[in-house]
Structures are given as C-alpha cells and as structure tokens.
C-alpha cells in the first residue's frame, strides 16, 4: 500500500514539473512571438512590433508598436507573468530537494496563481483595446487574433490549475 502512495506522489511531482515547463514555454512564446493580431499572411502585430511582409525582398519589415498606456500594461502583465512563472519553477525545484513539510509548495502555488491572473488581465485588456491598434476600422473585420493571443488564453487556466494543484500537493505531502 505504501508503495502505491509513493508512486502516486512521484507521478504527481513529475506531472507538476512537466506542467511548469509547458506553461513557462507557452508564456514565453506568447510574450515574445509576433502574432497577437494577424491580417492574413502579410501583416501581423504583437506586443512589441507591427510587421509587414515585403514580397520584393522576402523579409518582414517591423516597426515598434504604438505607444499606448494600455499596451504598456499588457506588456508589463505578460513580463510579470513570465517572471512569476520562472520564480515558481525555481522555487518548486528547490522545494523538491529540501522537502520540508511546513509550507511545502505554498509559495510556488501562489506565484502560479498570480501569474495566471496577470495573463488574464493582459489578454482582457488586449481584447478590449485591440481596436486602437488598427487605424482603419475596416481592418478589424479583415483581421483575426493570432496564435500567441490564443496561447496566452490557454495559459490562464493552465497556470491557475497548476497553482491549485500545488495546494493539493501540499495536502498530500
């Protein structure tokens, strides 16, 4: 009976480590890649740049994103989420090796929950303010959200559930 409990706990810890790495990779890609809003295959925008594809040179020409307060807050929330998720992973790995039962995984879970809330705030702000990116209102109907925006939305429940998962691990340890 004790062997299955140890096996279950080891499996849950490996699953938590894998989920940390997946969430961190998705957050980093969503923050740094260039496709939060797309107009076909020739133009896209992200948190940092607006890019157009030049057919004559086969290159992407990028300019800095517009200077909006709301865009700065989206950038800040995404960067904070990446930092919190990184801290959470590092603390989780340290807690795995020290394994003290008092407060086990609490800080890790809180960091993940706050990272999830930061990403949630960022994608909500971007959802409501995306019209300001577009100079021509007709462009709104021609464009669509890019895969980085979708990745950010997928990160929200992943980060929140990972934070709750750490609270569950704390009860079991």
Protein backbone atom coordinates (compact mmCIF):
# COMPACT_ATOMS: atom_id res chain seq x y z
CA UNK A 1 0.00 0.00 0.00
CA UNK A 2 2.78 2.45 0.84
CA UNK A 3 4.50 1.74 -2.47
CA UNK A 4 1.48 2.96 -4.48
CA UNK A 5 1.33 6.15 -2.40
CA UNK A 6 4.99 6.88 -3.10
CA UNK A 7 4.50 6.06 -6.79
CA UNK A 8 1.44 8.32 -6.96
CA UNK A 9 3.30 11.20 -5.30
CA UNK A 10 6.30 10.75 -7.60
CA UNK A 11 3.99 10.77 -10.63
CA UNK A 12 2.23 13.92 -9.41
CA UNK A 13 5.58 15.68 -8.85
CA UNK A 14 6.77 14.73 -12.35
CA UNK A 15 3.46 15.92 -13.79
CA UNK A 16 3.78 19.22 -11.91
CA UNK A 17 7.32 19.70 -13.24
CA UNK A 18 6.20 18.97 -16.79
CA UNK A 19 3.26 21.38 -16.48
CA UNK A 20 5.59 24.08 -15.15
CA UNK A 21 7.86 23.71 -18.14
CA UNK A 22 4.96 23.68 -20.61
CA UNK A 23 3.34 26.74 -19.03
CA UNK A 24 6.62 28.65 -18.96
CA UNK A 25 7.36 27.82 -22.61
CA UNK A 26 3.85 28.85 -23.68
CA UNK A 27 4.10 32.11 -21.72
CA UNK A 28 7.46 32.95 -23.21
CA UNK A 29 6.25 32.23 -26.76
CA UNK A 30 3.07 34.23 -26.22
CA UNK A 31 5.06 37.18 -24.90
CA UNK A 32 7.85 37.27 -27.47
CA UNK A 33 6.42 35.91 -30.75
CA UNK A 34 4.89 38.18 -33.40
CA UNK A 35 1.27 37.19 -33.84
CA UNK A 36 -1.26 38.59 -31.41
CA UNK A 37 -3.30 40.09 -34.26
CA UNK A 38 -2.97 38.99 -37.90
CA UNK A 39 -4.13 40.19 -41.29
CA UNK A 40 -3.66 37.10 -43.42
CA UNK A 41 -0.06 36.09 -44.04
CA UNK A 42 1.23 39.56 -44.92
CA UNK A 43 0.83 41.62 -41.76
CA UNK A 44 0.75 40.97 -38.04
CA UNK A 45 1.18 42.74 -34.75
CA UNK A 46 2.29 41.67 -31.31
CA UNK A 47 3.01 43.33 -28.00
CA UNK A 48 6.22 44.89 -29.25
CA UNK A 49 6.07 45.31 -33.06
CA UNK A 50 3.85 45.72 -36.09
CA UNK A 51 5.26 43.76 -39.03
CA UNK A 52 4.55 43.62 -42.77
CA UNK A 53 5.86 41.04 -45.21
CA UNK A 54 7.74 42.55 -48.15
CA UNK A 55 7.36 40.33 -51.22
CA UNK A 56 10.17 42.01 -53.13
CA UNK A 57 12.84 41.17 -50.55
CA UNK A 58 11.15 38.18 -48.89
CA UNK A 59 11.64 39.73 -45.45
CA UNK A 60 9.49 41.00 -42.61
CA UNK A 61 9.66 44.77 -42.04
CA UNK A 62 8.85 45.59 -38.42
CA UNK A 63 8.28 48.86 -36.61
CA UNK A 64 7.78 49.47 -32.93
CA UNK A 65 4.28 49.10 -31.60
CA UNK A 66 2.33 52.26 -30.94
CA UNK A 67 2.85 53.97 -27.62
CA UNK A 68 -0.36 53.35 -25.69
CA UNK A 69 -0.74 53.11 -21.94
CA UNK A 70 -2.91 50.04 -22.28
CA UNK A 71 -0.31 48.30 -24.46
CA UNK A 72 2.36 49.06 -21.86
CA UNK A 73 0.15 47.48 -19.21
CA UNK A 74 -0.34 44.36 -21.37
CA UNK A 75 3.43 44.15 -21.88
CA UNK A 76 4.03 44.59 -18.16
CA UNK A 77 1.46 41.95 -17.17
CA UNK A 78 2.95 39.42 -19.59
CA UNK A 79 6.52 40.08 -18.43
CA UNK A 80 5.44 39.83 -14.78
CA UNK A 81 3.70 36.53 -15.58
CA UNK A 82 6.87 35.13 -17.17
CA UNK A 83 8.94 36.26 -14.18
CA UNK A 84 6.48 34.83 -11.64
CA UNK A 85 6.27 31.55 -13.51
CA UNK A 86 10.06 31.31 -13.67
CA UNK A 87 10.37 32.05 -9.95
CA UNK A 88 7.67 29.47 -9.29
CA UNK A 89 9.55 26.80 -11.24
CA UNK A 90 12.85 27.56 -9.49
CA UNK A 91 11.26 27.55 -6.03
CA UNK A 92 9.39 24.34 -6.87
CA UNK A 93 12.64 22.62 -7.86
CA UNK A 94 14.34 23.88 -4.69
CA UNK A 95 11.43 22.66 -2.56
CA UNK A 96 11.62 19.24 -4.20
CA UNK A 97 15.19 18.81 -2.98
CA UNK A 98 14.72 20.27 0.50
CA UNK A 99 11.29 18.63 1.10
CA UNK A 100 10.33 20.36 4.32
CA UNK A 101 6.66 19.71 5.10
CA UNK A 102 5.93 23.14 6.56
CA UNK A 103 4.70 25.47 3.82
CA UNK A 104 5.56 22.98 1.09
CA UNK A 105 4.66 24.35 -2.37
CA UNK A 106 2.57 27.27 -0.99
CA UNK A 107 4.79 30.00 -2.44
CA UNK A 108 5.03 28.07 -5.71
CA UNK A 109 1.25 27.80 -5.95
CA UNK A 110 0.75 31.48 -5.15
CA UNK A 111 3.28 32.51 -7.81
CA UNK A 112 1.45 30.39 -10.40
CA UNK A 113 -1.95 31.78 -9.42
CA UNK A 114 -0.66 35.37 -9.61
CA UNK A 115 0.97 34.60 -12.97
CA UNK A 116 -2.36 33.26 -14.23
CA UNK A 117 -4.17 36.37 -13.02
CA UNK A 118 -1.56 38.61 -14.69
CA UNK A 119 -2.02 36.82 -18.03
CA UNK A 120 -5.79 37.02 -17.60
CA UNK A 121 -5.57 40.78 -17.07
CA UNK A 122 -3.27 41.14 -20.10
CA UNK A 123 -5.50 39.25 -22.52
CA UNK A 124 -8.61 41.03 -21.30
CA UNK A 125 -7.01 44.44 -21.78
CA UNK A 126 -5.77 43.42 -25.24
CA UNK A 127 -9.21 42.06 -26.16
CA UNK A 128 -10.97 45.27 -25.25
CA UNK A 129 -8.37 47.67 -26.65
CA UNK A 130 -7.34 45.97 -29.90
CA UNK A 131 -9.37 48.46 -31.96
CA UNK A 132 -6.78 51.11 -31.10
CA UNK A 133 -4.12 49.07 -32.90
CA UNK A 134 -5.99 49.39 -36.14
CA UNK A 135 -6.02 52.74 -37.86
CA UNK A 136 -8.82 51.81 -40.28
CA UNK A 137 -11.99 50.30 -38.74
CA UNK A 138 -12.41 48.14 -41.85
CA UNK A 139 -9.18 46.34 -40.90
CA UNK A 140 -10.89 44.91 -37.82
CA UNK A 141 -13.17 42.73 -39.92
CA UNK A 142 -10.27 41.56 -42.10
CA UNK A 143 -8.01 40.52 -39.23
CA UNK A 144 -8.12 37.87 -36.56
CA UNK A 145 -6.41 37.03 -33.30
CA UNK A 146 -3.10 35.25 -33.76
CA UNK A 147 -1.86 32.09 -32.13
CA UNK A 148 0.08 33.95 -29.43
CA UNK A 149 -3.14 35.50 -28.18
CA UNK A 150 -4.70 32.02 -28.09
CA UNK A 151 -1.63 30.65 -26.28
CA UNK A 152 -1.97 33.38 -23.68
CA UNK A 153 -5.62 32.42 -23.13
CA UNK A 154 -4.64 28.76 -22.80
CA UNK A 155 -2.05 29.75 -20.19
CA UNK A 156 -4.69 31.28 -17.92
CA UNK A 157 -6.47 28.06 -16.86
CA UNK A 158 -3.18 26.12 -17.00
CA UNK A 159 -1.45 28.49 -14.57
CA UNK A 160 -4.46 28.74 -12.26
CA UNK A 161 -4.98 24.99 -12.16
CA UNK A 162 -1.25 24.45 -11.58
CA UNK A 163 -1.45 26.78 -8.60
CA UNK A 164 -4.39 24.83 -7.19
CA UNK A 165 -2.53 21.59 -7.94
CA UNK A 166 0.31 22.77 -5.69
CA UNK A 167 -2.14 23.35 -2.84
CA UNK A 168 -3.37 19.78 -3.40
CA UNK A 169 0.24 18.50 -3.36
CA UNK A 170 0.80 20.33 -0.10
CA UNK A 171 -2.13 18.49 1.50
CA UNK A 172 -0.81 15.13 0.30
CA UNK A 173 2.80 15.67 1.35
